[in-house]
N, C-alpha and C. Protein backbone atom coordinates (compact mmCIF):
# COMPACT_ATOMS: atom_id res chain seq x y z
N UNK A 1 -9.53 19.50 33.18
CA UNK A 1 -10.31 18.59 32.33
C UNK A 1 -11.34 19.38 31.53
N UNK A 2 -12.02 20.33 32.16
CA UNK A 2 -13.02 21.14 31.45
C UNK A 2 -12.36 21.93 30.33
N UNK A 3 -11.15 22.46 30.60
CA UNK A 3 -10.46 23.25 29.59
C UNK A 3 -10.09 22.39 28.39
N UNK A 4 -9.63 21.15 28.64
CA UNK A 4 -9.27 20.24 27.55
C UNK A 4 -10.50 19.92 26.69
N UNK A 5 -11.64 19.64 27.36
CA UNK A 5 -12.87 19.33 26.63
C UNK A 5 -13.32 20.53 25.79
N UNK A 6 -13.16 21.73 26.34
CA UNK A 6 -13.53 22.95 25.61
C UNK A 6 -12.67 23.11 24.37
N UNK A 7 -11.36 22.89 24.52
CA UNK A 7 -10.45 23.00 23.38
C UNK A 7 -10.79 21.97 22.32
N UNK A 8 -11.11 20.74 22.76
CA UNK A 8 -11.45 19.67 21.82
C UNK A 8 -12.69 20.02 21.01
N UNK A 9 -13.72 20.56 21.69
CA UNK A 9 -14.95 20.94 21.01
C UNK A 9 -14.69 22.07 20.02
N UNK A 10 -13.84 23.03 20.42
CA UNK A 10 -13.54 24.17 19.55
C UNK A 10 -12.84 23.70 18.29
N UNK A 11 -11.85 22.79 18.44
CA UNK A 11 -11.13 22.27 17.28
C UNK A 11 -12.05 21.47 16.37
N UNK A 12 -12.97 20.72 16.97
CA UNK A 12 -13.92 19.94 16.17
C UNK A 12 -14.80 20.85 15.35
N UNK A 13 -15.30 21.92 15.96
CA UNK A 13 -16.15 22.88 15.25
C UNK A 13 -15.38 23.59 14.15
N UNK A 14 -14.12 23.96 14.44
CA UNK A 14 -13.29 24.63 13.44
C UNK A 14 -13.05 23.71 12.25
N UNK A 15 -12.74 22.43 12.55
CA UNK A 15 -12.50 21.48 11.47
C UNK A 15 -13.73 21.30 10.60
N UNK A 16 -14.90 21.21 11.22
CA UNK A 16 -16.14 21.05 10.47
C UNK A 16 -16.40 22.26 9.58
N UNK A 17 -16.12 23.44 10.11
CA UNK A 17 -16.33 24.66 9.33
C UNK A 17 -15.40 24.72 8.14
N UNK A 18 -14.13 24.33 8.34
CA UNK A 18 -13.17 24.31 7.24
C UNK A 18 -13.61 23.37 6.15
N UNK A 19 -14.02 22.16 6.52
CA UNK A 19 -14.44 21.18 5.53
C UNK A 19 -15.69 21.62 4.80
N UNK A 20 -16.61 22.30 5.51
CA UNK A 20 -17.84 22.79 4.87
C UNK A 20 -17.51 23.83 3.81
N UNK A 21 -16.64 24.77 4.15
CA UNK A 21 -16.27 25.81 3.18
C UNK A 21 -15.56 25.20 1.99
N UNK A 22 -14.67 24.22 2.24
CA UNK A 22 -13.96 23.57 1.15
C UNK A 22 -14.93 22.88 0.21
N UNK A 23 -15.92 22.19 0.78
CA UNK A 23 -16.90 21.51 -0.05
C UNK A 23 -17.73 22.50 -0.85
N UNK A 24 -18.06 23.64 -0.23
CA UNK A 24 -18.85 24.65 -0.91
C UNK A 24 -18.14 25.19 -2.14
N UNK A 25 -16.82 25.38 -2.03
CA UNK A 25 -16.06 25.93 -3.16
C UNK A 25 -15.61 24.85 -4.13
N UNK A 26 -15.89 23.60 -3.84
CA UNK A 26 -15.55 22.53 -4.77
C UNK A 26 -14.13 22.01 -4.64
N UNK A 27 -13.42 22.33 -3.57
CA UNK A 27 -12.08 21.82 -3.37
C UNK A 27 -12.13 20.44 -2.72
N UNK A 28 -11.22 19.51 -3.11
CA UNK A 28 -11.10 18.26 -2.37
C UNK A 28 -10.52 18.56 -1.00
N UNK A 29 -11.20 18.16 0.06
CA UNK A 29 -10.84 18.60 1.40
C UNK A 29 -9.88 17.66 2.10
N UNK A 30 -9.07 18.20 3.00
CA UNK A 30 -8.27 17.40 3.91
C UNK A 30 -8.92 17.47 5.28
N UNK A 31 -8.76 16.41 6.06
CA UNK A 31 -9.26 16.41 7.42
C UNK A 31 -8.32 17.22 8.30
N UNK A 32 -8.87 18.05 9.15
CA UNK A 32 -8.07 18.94 10.00
C UNK A 32 -7.93 18.33 11.38
N UNK A 33 -6.69 18.11 11.82
CA UNK A 33 -6.40 17.55 13.13
C UNK A 33 -5.35 18.41 13.82
N UNK A 34 -5.48 18.55 15.13
CA UNK A 34 -4.50 19.31 15.89
C UNK A 34 -3.20 18.53 15.98
N UNK A 35 -2.09 19.21 15.71
CA UNK A 35 -0.77 18.61 15.83
C UNK A 35 0.18 19.62 16.46
N UNK A 36 1.28 19.11 16.99
CA UNK A 36 2.32 20.00 17.48
C UNK A 36 3.33 20.23 16.36
N UNK A 37 4.04 21.34 16.44
CA UNK A 37 5.03 21.66 15.41
C UNK A 37 5.41 23.11 15.45
N UNK A 38 5.77 23.64 14.30
CA UNK A 38 6.20 25.03 14.19
C UNK A 38 5.52 25.69 13.01
N UNK A 39 5.36 27.00 13.09
CA UNK A 39 4.71 27.78 12.03
C UNK A 39 5.70 28.83 11.52
N UNK A 40 5.78 28.97 10.20
CA UNK A 40 6.70 29.91 9.58
C UNK A 40 5.96 30.78 8.56
N UNK A 41 6.25 32.06 8.58
CA UNK A 41 5.78 32.94 7.51
C UNK A 41 6.77 32.82 6.34
N UNK A 42 6.28 33.04 5.13
CA UNK A 42 7.17 32.89 3.98
C UNK A 42 6.72 33.78 2.82
N UNK A 43 7.60 33.92 1.86
CA UNK A 43 7.29 34.61 0.61
C UNK A 43 6.72 33.58 -0.36
N UNK A 44 5.66 33.95 -1.07
CA UNK A 44 5.11 33.09 -2.12
C UNK A 44 5.54 33.69 -3.47
N UNK A 45 6.44 32.98 -4.13
CA UNK A 45 6.91 33.41 -5.44
C UNK A 45 5.94 32.90 -6.50
N UNK A 46 5.47 33.78 -7.36
CA UNK A 46 4.45 33.44 -8.34
C UNK A 46 5.04 33.53 -9.75
N UNK A 47 4.84 32.49 -10.54
CA UNK A 47 5.51 32.44 -11.84
C UNK A 47 4.61 31.85 -12.92
N UNK A 48 4.55 32.53 -14.05
CA UNK A 48 3.79 32.03 -15.19
C UNK A 48 4.48 30.82 -15.83
N UNK A 49 5.81 30.80 -15.75
CA UNK A 49 6.59 29.67 -16.27
C UNK A 49 7.12 28.84 -15.11
N UNK A 50 7.47 27.60 -15.39
CA UNK A 50 8.03 26.74 -14.34
C UNK A 50 9.31 27.38 -13.82
N UNK A 51 9.44 27.55 -12.51
CA UNK A 51 10.58 28.29 -11.96
C UNK A 51 11.94 27.62 -12.16
N UNK A 52 11.96 26.33 -12.46
CA UNK A 52 13.23 25.63 -12.68
C UNK A 52 13.50 25.43 -14.16
N UNK A 53 12.52 24.88 -14.88
CA UNK A 53 12.74 24.56 -16.29
C UNK A 53 12.45 25.72 -17.22
N UNK A 54 11.64 26.70 -16.76
CA UNK A 54 11.27 27.82 -17.61
C UNK A 54 10.17 27.49 -18.61
N UNK A 55 9.66 26.28 -18.56
CA UNK A 55 8.62 25.85 -19.50
C UNK A 55 7.30 26.54 -19.16
N UNK A 56 6.60 27.03 -20.19
CA UNK A 56 5.26 27.60 -20.02
C UNK A 56 4.25 26.55 -20.45
N UNK A 57 3.49 26.08 -19.51
CA UNK A 57 2.50 25.04 -19.80
C UNK A 57 1.17 25.64 -20.22
N UNK A 58 0.91 26.88 -19.83
CA UNK A 58 -0.34 27.53 -20.17
C UNK A 58 -0.46 27.68 -21.68
N UNK A 59 -1.70 27.57 -22.18
CA UNK A 59 -1.92 27.63 -23.63
C UNK A 59 -1.61 28.99 -24.23
N UNK A 60 -1.51 30.03 -23.37
CA UNK A 60 -1.16 31.36 -23.88
C UNK A 60 0.24 31.43 -24.43
N UNK A 61 1.12 30.57 -23.92
CA UNK A 61 2.48 30.48 -24.44
C UNK A 61 3.34 31.69 -24.14
N UNK A 62 4.51 31.73 -24.78
CA UNK A 62 5.48 32.80 -24.56
C UNK A 62 4.93 34.16 -24.93
N UNK A 63 4.08 34.22 -25.95
CA UNK A 63 3.52 35.49 -26.41
C UNK A 63 2.66 36.16 -25.34
N UNK A 64 2.15 35.37 -24.41
CA UNK A 64 1.27 35.90 -23.36
C UNK A 64 1.99 36.00 -22.02
N UNK A 65 3.31 35.99 -22.03
CA UNK A 65 4.05 35.94 -20.77
C UNK A 65 3.73 37.14 -19.87
N UNK A 66 3.80 38.35 -20.40
CA UNK A 66 3.56 39.54 -19.59
C UNK A 66 2.15 39.55 -19.01
N UNK A 67 1.17 39.20 -19.85
CA UNK A 67 -0.22 39.15 -19.38
C UNK A 67 -0.39 38.04 -18.36
N UNK A 68 0.22 36.89 -18.65
CA UNK A 68 0.09 35.75 -17.74
C UNK A 68 0.74 36.01 -16.40
N UNK A 69 1.92 36.62 -16.40
CA UNK A 69 2.59 36.92 -15.14
C UNK A 69 1.78 37.91 -14.31
N UNK A 70 1.20 38.90 -14.97
CA UNK A 70 0.35 39.86 -14.26
C UNK A 70 -0.87 39.20 -13.67
N UNK A 71 -1.44 38.24 -14.40
CA UNK A 71 -2.61 37.52 -13.92
C UNK A 71 -2.26 36.70 -12.68
N UNK A 72 -1.10 36.03 -12.72
CA UNK A 72 -0.67 35.21 -11.59
C UNK A 72 -0.49 36.07 -10.34
N UNK A 73 0.17 37.20 -10.51
CA UNK A 73 0.42 38.07 -9.36
C UNK A 73 -0.86 38.71 -8.84
N UNK A 74 -1.86 38.86 -9.70
CA UNK A 74 -3.15 39.38 -9.26
C UNK A 74 -4.01 38.34 -8.58
N UNK A 75 -3.76 37.06 -8.91
CA UNK A 75 -4.60 35.98 -8.39
C UNK A 75 -4.10 35.42 -7.07
N UNK A 76 -2.80 35.58 -6.77
CA UNK A 76 -2.23 34.98 -5.57
C UNK A 76 -1.42 36.04 -4.82
N UNK A 77 -1.61 36.10 -3.52
CA UNK A 77 -0.86 37.04 -2.69
C UNK A 77 0.60 36.62 -2.57
N UNK A 78 1.45 37.56 -2.24
CA UNK A 78 2.89 37.30 -2.19
C UNK A 78 3.43 36.82 -0.86
N UNK A 79 2.56 36.47 0.07
CA UNK A 79 3.02 35.93 1.36
C UNK A 79 2.16 34.74 1.74
N UNK A 80 2.72 33.84 2.55
CA UNK A 80 1.99 32.63 2.93
C UNK A 80 2.45 32.10 4.26
N UNK A 81 1.95 30.92 4.61
CA UNK A 81 2.22 30.30 5.91
C UNK A 81 2.60 28.84 5.69
N UNK A 82 3.72 28.42 6.31
CA UNK A 82 4.14 27.02 6.25
C UNK A 82 4.06 26.43 7.65
N UNK A 83 3.34 25.32 7.77
CA UNK A 83 3.26 24.59 9.03
C UNK A 83 4.09 23.32 8.91
N UNK A 84 4.99 23.11 9.86
CA UNK A 84 5.83 21.91 9.89
C UNK A 84 5.49 21.16 11.17
N UNK A 85 4.88 19.99 11.04
CA UNK A 85 4.45 19.25 12.22
C UNK A 85 5.59 18.37 12.74
N UNK A 86 5.52 18.03 14.02
CA UNK A 86 6.53 17.17 14.61
C UNK A 86 6.48 15.76 14.03
N UNK A 87 5.38 15.41 13.38
CA UNK A 87 5.28 14.09 12.74
C UNK A 87 5.87 14.09 11.33
N UNK A 88 6.38 15.25 10.87
CA UNK A 88 7.09 15.30 9.60
C UNK A 88 6.26 15.74 8.41
N UNK A 89 5.08 16.32 8.64
CA UNK A 89 4.26 16.80 7.54
C UNK A 89 4.44 18.30 7.32
N UNK A 90 4.26 18.72 6.07
CA UNK A 90 4.38 20.12 5.70
C UNK A 90 3.07 20.60 5.09
N UNK A 91 2.58 21.74 5.55
CA UNK A 91 1.33 22.31 5.04
C UNK A 91 1.55 23.77 4.68
N UNK A 92 1.25 24.12 3.44
CA UNK A 92 1.42 25.48 2.95
C UNK A 92 0.06 26.14 2.76
N UNK A 93 -0.09 27.35 3.30
CA UNK A 93 -1.32 28.12 3.10
C UNK A 93 -1.02 29.33 2.24
N UNK A 94 -1.81 29.51 1.18
CA UNK A 94 -1.70 30.67 0.31
C UNK A 94 -3.03 31.41 0.31
N UNK A 95 -2.99 32.67 -0.09
CA UNK A 95 -4.22 33.45 -0.20
C UNK A 95 -4.47 33.75 -1.67
N UNK A 96 -5.65 33.33 -2.15
CA UNK A 96 -6.01 33.54 -3.55
C UNK A 96 -7.09 34.61 -3.67
N UNK A 97 -6.92 35.48 -4.65
CA UNK A 97 -7.90 36.51 -4.97
C UNK A 97 -8.68 36.07 -6.21
N UNK A 98 -9.56 36.93 -6.69
CA UNK A 98 -10.33 36.67 -7.92
C UNK A 98 -11.19 35.40 -7.82
N UNK A 99 -11.56 35.01 -6.60
CA UNK A 99 -12.35 33.79 -6.42
C UNK A 99 -13.69 33.89 -7.16
N UNK A 100 -14.25 35.10 -7.25
CA UNK A 100 -15.54 35.27 -7.92
C UNK A 100 -15.44 35.05 -9.42
N UNK A 101 -14.23 35.10 -9.97
CA UNK A 101 -14.05 35.01 -11.42
C UNK A 101 -13.35 33.74 -11.85
N UNK A 102 -13.06 32.85 -10.90
CA UNK A 102 -12.35 31.62 -11.22
C UNK A 102 -13.09 30.42 -10.63
N UNK A 103 -12.78 29.25 -11.17
CA UNK A 103 -13.40 28.02 -10.67
C UNK A 103 -12.52 26.83 -11.05
N UNK A 104 -12.90 25.65 -10.57
CA UNK A 104 -12.19 24.40 -10.88
C UNK A 104 -10.70 24.49 -10.56
N UNK A 105 -10.38 25.12 -9.42
CA UNK A 105 -8.98 25.20 -9.02
C UNK A 105 -8.46 23.81 -8.65
N UNK A 106 -7.29 23.47 -9.14
CA UNK A 106 -6.64 22.21 -8.76
C UNK A 106 -5.17 22.47 -8.50
N UNK A 107 -4.59 21.67 -7.59
CA UNK A 107 -3.22 21.89 -7.15
C UNK A 107 -2.44 20.58 -7.22
N UNK A 108 -1.22 20.66 -7.74
CA UNK A 108 -0.29 19.53 -7.74
C UNK A 108 1.02 20.02 -7.16
N UNK A 109 1.79 19.11 -6.57
CA UNK A 109 3.01 19.52 -5.87
C UNK A 109 4.18 18.62 -6.28
N UNK A 110 5.38 19.16 -6.12
CA UNK A 110 6.60 18.40 -6.33
C UNK A 110 7.73 19.05 -5.54
N UNK A 111 8.75 18.26 -5.23
CA UNK A 111 9.98 18.82 -4.69
C UNK A 111 10.78 19.44 -5.82
N UNK A 112 11.55 20.47 -5.53
CA UNK A 112 12.42 21.06 -6.54
C UNK A 112 13.36 19.98 -7.06
N UNK A 113 13.41 19.82 -8.37
CA UNK A 113 14.25 18.79 -8.97
C UNK A 113 13.48 17.58 -9.44
N UNK A 114 12.25 17.40 -8.95
CA UNK A 114 11.43 16.28 -9.42
C UNK A 114 10.90 16.54 -10.82
N UNK A 115 10.55 15.45 -11.53
CA UNK A 115 10.00 15.59 -12.87
C UNK A 115 8.51 15.29 -12.92
N UNK A 116 7.95 14.75 -11.87
CA UNK A 116 6.53 14.42 -11.83
C UNK A 116 5.79 15.22 -10.77
N UNK A 117 4.48 15.16 -10.83
CA UNK A 117 3.62 15.90 -9.90
C UNK A 117 2.77 14.93 -9.09
N UNK A 118 2.45 15.32 -7.86
CA UNK A 118 1.54 14.56 -7.01
C UNK A 118 0.33 15.42 -6.68
N UNK A 119 -0.86 14.82 -6.74
CA UNK A 119 -2.05 15.53 -6.33
C UNK A 119 -2.04 15.74 -4.82
N UNK A 120 -2.80 16.72 -4.36
CA UNK A 120 -2.85 16.99 -2.92
C UNK A 120 -4.23 17.51 -2.55
N UNK A 121 -4.70 17.14 -1.35
CA UNK A 121 -5.96 17.67 -0.85
C UNK A 121 -5.76 19.07 -0.31
N UNK A 122 -6.82 19.85 -0.24
CA UNK A 122 -6.74 21.22 0.26
C UNK A 122 -7.89 21.49 1.22
N UNK A 123 -7.73 22.54 2.01
CA UNK A 123 -8.78 23.02 2.90
C UNK A 123 -8.79 24.53 2.86
N UNK A 124 -9.96 25.13 2.88
CA UNK A 124 -10.09 26.59 2.95
C UNK A 124 -10.13 26.98 4.43
N UNK A 125 -9.13 27.74 4.87
CA UNK A 125 -9.01 28.09 6.29
C UNK A 125 -9.46 29.51 6.59
N UNK A 126 -9.85 30.27 5.57
CA UNK A 126 -10.31 31.63 5.81
C UNK A 126 -10.84 32.25 4.54
N UNK A 127 -11.76 33.18 4.68
CA UNK A 127 -12.30 33.92 3.55
C UNK A 127 -12.30 35.41 3.87
N UNK A 128 -12.18 36.22 2.83
CA UNK A 128 -12.19 37.67 3.01
C UNK A 128 -12.52 38.34 1.70
N UNK A 129 -12.07 39.57 1.54
CA UNK A 129 -12.33 40.29 0.30
C UNK A 129 -11.24 41.33 0.08
N UNK A 130 -11.05 41.71 -1.16
CA UNK A 130 -10.16 42.80 -1.53
C UNK A 130 -10.79 43.55 -2.70
N UNK A 131 -10.02 44.39 -3.37
CA UNK A 131 -10.57 45.19 -4.46
C UNK A 131 -11.01 44.35 -5.65
N UNK A 132 -10.59 43.08 -5.68
CA UNK A 132 -10.98 42.17 -6.77
C UNK A 132 -12.11 41.23 -6.37
N UNK A 133 -12.69 41.43 -5.17
CA UNK A 133 -13.80 40.59 -4.74
C UNK A 133 -13.39 39.64 -3.62
N UNK A 134 -13.88 38.41 -3.68
CA UNK A 134 -13.67 37.43 -2.62
C UNK A 134 -12.26 36.87 -2.65
N UNK A 135 -11.70 36.63 -1.44
CA UNK A 135 -10.42 35.94 -1.31
C UNK A 135 -10.63 34.68 -0.48
N UNK A 136 -9.77 33.70 -0.67
CA UNK A 136 -9.79 32.47 0.12
C UNK A 136 -8.38 32.09 0.51
N UNK A 137 -8.19 31.69 1.78
CA UNK A 137 -6.93 31.13 2.24
C UNK A 137 -7.00 29.63 2.06
N UNK A 138 -6.08 29.08 1.30
CA UNK A 138 -6.13 27.67 0.92
C UNK A 138 -4.90 26.96 1.46
N UNK A 139 -5.13 25.94 2.28
CA UNK A 139 -4.06 25.14 2.86
C UNK A 139 -3.94 23.83 2.11
N UNK A 140 -2.70 23.45 1.79
CA UNK A 140 -2.46 22.19 1.07
C UNK A 140 -1.23 21.50 1.65
N UNK A 141 -1.18 20.19 1.56
CA UNK A 141 0.00 19.46 1.98
C UNK A 141 1.03 19.50 0.86
N UNK A 142 2.28 19.77 1.22
CA UNK A 142 3.40 19.80 0.27
C UNK A 142 4.47 18.83 0.76
N UNK A 143 5.36 18.37 -0.14
CA UNK A 143 6.34 17.35 0.27
C UNK A 143 7.45 17.87 1.16
N UNK A 144 7.78 19.16 1.08
CA UNK A 144 8.86 19.72 1.89
C UNK A 144 8.79 21.23 1.80
N UNK A 145 9.71 21.90 2.51
CA UNK A 145 9.77 23.36 2.42
C UNK A 145 10.38 23.82 1.10
N UNK A 146 11.02 22.90 0.37
CA UNK A 146 11.66 23.22 -0.91
C UNK A 146 10.80 22.63 -2.03
N UNK A 147 9.63 23.20 -2.24
CA UNK A 147 8.64 22.60 -3.13
C UNK A 147 8.15 23.59 -4.17
N UNK A 148 7.46 23.05 -5.17
CA UNK A 148 6.81 23.85 -6.21
C UNK A 148 5.36 23.39 -6.30
N UNK A 149 4.46 24.34 -6.45
CA UNK A 149 3.02 24.05 -6.59
C UNK A 149 2.58 24.43 -7.99
N UNK A 150 1.92 23.51 -8.66
CA UNK A 150 1.33 23.78 -9.98
C UNK A 150 -0.16 24.05 -9.77
N UNK A 151 -0.64 25.17 -10.29
CA UNK A 151 -2.05 25.55 -10.13
C UNK A 151 -2.72 25.59 -11.50
N UNK A 152 -3.88 25.00 -11.57
CA UNK A 152 -4.71 25.07 -12.77
C UNK A 152 -6.10 25.55 -12.36
N UNK A 153 -6.66 26.49 -13.11
CA UNK A 153 -8.00 26.97 -12.79
C UNK A 153 -8.64 27.59 -14.02
N UNK A 154 -9.96 27.62 -14.01
CA UNK A 154 -10.70 28.24 -15.11
C UNK A 154 -10.95 29.70 -14.77
N UNK A 155 -10.60 30.60 -15.70
CA UNK A 155 -10.79 32.03 -15.51
C UNK A 155 -11.92 32.48 -16.42
N UNK A 156 -13.03 32.88 -15.83
CA UNK A 156 -14.23 33.21 -16.61
C UNK A 156 -14.01 34.34 -17.61
N UNK A 157 -13.38 35.48 -17.25
CA UNK A 157 -13.20 36.55 -18.22
C UNK A 157 -12.34 36.14 -19.43
N UNK A 158 -11.44 35.17 -19.21
CA UNK A 158 -10.58 34.69 -20.30
C UNK A 158 -11.25 33.57 -21.08
N UNK A 159 -12.23 32.90 -20.47
CA UNK A 159 -12.94 31.83 -21.13
C UNK A 159 -12.14 30.56 -21.32
N UNK A 160 -11.15 30.33 -20.46
CA UNK A 160 -10.33 29.13 -20.60
C UNK A 160 -9.61 28.83 -19.28
N UNK A 161 -8.99 27.63 -19.24
CA UNK A 161 -8.16 27.24 -18.11
C UNK A 161 -6.79 27.90 -18.23
N UNK A 162 -6.19 28.21 -17.10
CA UNK A 162 -4.83 28.74 -17.07
C UNK A 162 -3.99 27.87 -16.14
N UNK A 163 -2.69 27.83 -16.38
CA UNK A 163 -1.76 27.04 -15.58
C UNK A 163 -0.60 27.92 -15.17
N UNK A 164 -0.23 27.87 -13.89
CA UNK A 164 0.92 28.64 -13.42
C UNK A 164 1.51 27.95 -12.20
N UNK A 165 2.54 28.58 -11.60
CA UNK A 165 3.31 27.92 -10.56
C UNK A 165 3.57 28.85 -9.37
N UNK A 166 3.77 28.22 -8.20
CA UNK A 166 4.10 28.94 -6.98
C UNK A 166 5.20 28.18 -6.26
N UNK A 167 6.02 28.91 -5.51
CA UNK A 167 6.95 28.23 -4.60
C UNK A 167 7.29 29.13 -3.42
N UNK A 168 7.37 28.57 -2.20
CA UNK A 168 7.65 29.36 -1.00
C UNK A 168 9.15 29.54 -0.81
N UNK A 169 9.53 30.63 -0.14
CA UNK A 169 10.93 30.90 0.18
C UNK A 169 11.00 31.91 1.31
N UNK A 170 12.22 32.23 1.75
CA UNK A 170 12.45 33.27 2.76
C UNK A 170 11.61 33.06 4.01
N UNK A 171 11.83 31.94 4.67
CA UNK A 171 11.05 31.59 5.85
C UNK A 171 11.48 32.40 7.08
N UNK A 172 10.52 32.77 7.89
CA UNK A 172 10.79 33.39 9.18
C UNK A 172 9.84 32.78 10.20
N UNK A 173 10.35 32.44 11.37
CA UNK A 173 9.55 31.74 12.37
C UNK A 173 8.43 32.63 12.90
N UNK A 174 7.27 32.03 13.06
CA UNK A 174 6.11 32.76 13.57
C UNK A 174 5.13 33.11 12.47
N UNK A 175 3.95 33.53 12.88
CA UNK A 175 2.87 33.88 11.96
C UNK A 175 2.74 35.40 11.89
N UNK A 176 3.29 35.98 10.84
CA UNK A 176 3.20 37.43 10.65
C UNK A 176 2.33 37.80 9.47
N UNK A 177 1.63 36.82 8.89
CA UNK A 177 0.85 37.06 7.67
C UNK A 177 -0.65 37.08 7.92
N UNK A 178 -1.08 36.79 9.14
CA UNK A 178 -2.50 36.88 9.48
C UNK A 178 -3.36 35.78 8.92
N UNK A 179 -2.77 34.61 8.60
CA UNK A 179 -3.56 33.48 8.12
C UNK A 179 -3.72 32.47 9.25
N UNK A 180 -4.79 31.69 9.20
CA UNK A 180 -5.07 30.72 10.25
C UNK A 180 -4.28 29.43 10.04
N UNK A 181 -3.46 29.00 11.01
CA UNK A 181 -2.85 27.66 10.90
C UNK A 181 -3.95 26.60 10.93
N UNK A 182 -3.82 25.59 10.10
CA UNK A 182 -4.85 24.56 10.02
C UNK A 182 -4.53 23.35 10.88
N UNK A 183 -3.25 23.08 11.13
CA UNK A 183 -2.86 21.86 11.82
C UNK A 183 -2.08 22.11 13.10
N UNK A 184 -1.08 22.97 13.04
CA UNK A 184 -0.22 23.20 14.20
C UNK A 184 -0.92 24.14 15.17
N UNK A 185 -1.34 23.60 16.30
CA UNK A 185 -2.06 24.40 17.29
C UNK A 185 -1.19 24.83 18.46
N UNK A 186 -0.05 24.15 18.65
CA UNK A 186 0.86 24.52 19.72
C UNK A 186 2.21 23.87 19.48
N UNK A 187 3.24 24.38 20.15
CA UNK A 187 4.57 23.81 20.03
C UNK A 187 4.67 22.54 20.85
N UNK A 188 5.71 21.76 20.60
CA UNK A 188 5.88 20.51 21.33
C UNK A 188 6.05 20.76 22.82
N UNK A 189 6.78 21.82 23.17
CA UNK A 189 7.00 22.12 24.59
C UNK A 189 5.69 22.45 25.28
N UNK A 190 4.84 23.24 24.62
CA UNK A 190 3.55 23.59 25.20
C UNK A 190 2.66 22.36 25.34
N UNK A 191 2.74 21.47 24.37
CA UNK A 191 1.93 20.25 24.41
C UNK A 191 2.32 19.37 25.59
N UNK A 192 3.63 19.27 25.85
CA UNK A 192 4.09 18.44 26.96
C UNK A 192 3.62 19.02 28.30
N UNK A 193 3.64 20.36 28.38
CA UNK A 193 3.20 21.00 29.62
C UNK A 193 1.71 20.77 29.88
N UNK A 194 0.91 20.74 28.79
CA UNK A 194 -0.53 20.58 28.95
C UNK A 194 -0.97 19.12 28.92
N UNK A 195 0.01 18.21 28.64
CA UNK A 195 -0.31 16.79 28.61
C UNK A 195 -0.96 16.36 27.32
N UNK A 196 -0.85 17.18 26.25
CA UNK A 196 -1.52 16.83 25.00
C UNK A 196 -0.60 16.23 23.97
N UNK A 197 0.65 15.96 24.34
CA UNK A 197 1.61 15.44 23.36
C UNK A 197 1.20 14.11 22.79
N UNK A 198 0.71 13.18 23.66
CA UNK A 198 0.35 11.85 23.21
C UNK A 198 -0.81 11.89 22.24
N UNK A 199 -1.82 12.72 22.51
CA UNK A 199 -2.99 12.80 21.63
C UNK A 199 -2.58 13.33 20.27
N UNK A 200 -1.68 14.33 20.25
CA UNK A 200 -1.25 14.89 18.98
C UNK A 200 -0.45 13.87 18.19
N UNK A 201 0.39 13.10 18.89
CA UNK A 201 1.23 12.12 18.21
C UNK A 201 0.39 11.00 17.61
N UNK A 202 -0.77 10.71 18.23
CA UNK A 202 -1.60 9.62 17.76
C UNK A 202 -2.66 10.04 16.75
N UNK A 203 -2.69 11.32 16.38
CA UNK A 203 -3.69 11.78 15.43
C UNK A 203 -3.37 11.27 14.04
N UNK A 204 -4.41 11.05 13.24
CA UNK A 204 -4.23 10.57 11.88
C UNK A 204 -4.67 11.64 10.89
N UNK A 205 -4.11 11.60 9.71
CA UNK A 205 -4.37 12.63 8.71
C UNK A 205 -4.96 12.02 7.46
N UNK A 206 -5.99 12.66 6.93
CA UNK A 206 -6.56 12.29 5.65
C UNK A 206 -6.16 13.38 4.68
N UNK A 207 -5.13 13.12 3.90
CA UNK A 207 -4.55 14.18 3.06
C UNK A 207 -5.01 14.12 1.61
N UNK A 208 -6.05 13.40 1.33
CA UNK A 208 -6.57 13.39 -0.04
C UNK A 208 -5.75 12.50 -0.94
N UNK A 209 -5.87 12.70 -2.24
CA UNK A 209 -5.19 11.85 -3.20
C UNK A 209 -3.73 12.23 -3.32
N UNK A 210 -2.92 11.26 -3.73
CA UNK A 210 -1.50 11.51 -3.97
C UNK A 210 -1.06 10.74 -5.21
N UNK A 211 -1.87 10.80 -6.25
CA UNK A 211 -1.58 10.08 -7.48
C UNK A 211 -0.50 10.80 -8.27
N UNK A 212 0.43 10.04 -8.83
CA UNK A 212 1.48 10.61 -9.65
C UNK A 212 0.92 10.97 -11.03
N UNK A 213 1.36 12.10 -11.53
CA UNK A 213 0.97 12.51 -12.88
C UNK A 213 2.21 12.99 -13.58
N UNK A 214 2.34 12.70 -14.87
CA UNK A 214 3.51 13.12 -15.62
C UNK A 214 3.48 14.60 -15.91
N UNK A 215 4.65 15.16 -16.26
CA UNK A 215 4.73 16.58 -16.55
C UNK A 215 4.30 16.88 -17.97
């Protein structure tokens, strides 16, 4: 009983810290709840143009493709974390660089093949630094493992908003990328052994807005 109470307090403190950091950076936050499920490492493919249609939404257009692609690859790391909960939710964590030079980040998601976008809440699950300054690990809910993320943010050195895309692939079971899982705290088998399966199954999620927006 003492161990369960200790774990509960730790998760509560972690959730509060995540939401505080998210609010500090101006991201719409998701509520963090412990769930059972599986964690997968993945490749984060970064693209200046839409990976399916090839359309460039950024105002730089085709003439800025090389510069835009370089900016995308500099702003987002090439590996990420996918959490798949037993309740059927998917959460993708990416690591963003250049945080000191960007602001007003917003994320929209769609399944591959969809024509519209849905808004999604995010949470910052970790912070660090690299040669470009501050980094943030950003967790967001996605519709499935076969998804595309649209990112919009203001880049101070460029003096304008930029738009680009991400999509995960090449999944491998386990966490080999060093990012913090935000929701999946244990597997279903481990939960049953510890008696926490019912609590995880009864948890509720506040995933932010999910308004449809046209392309």
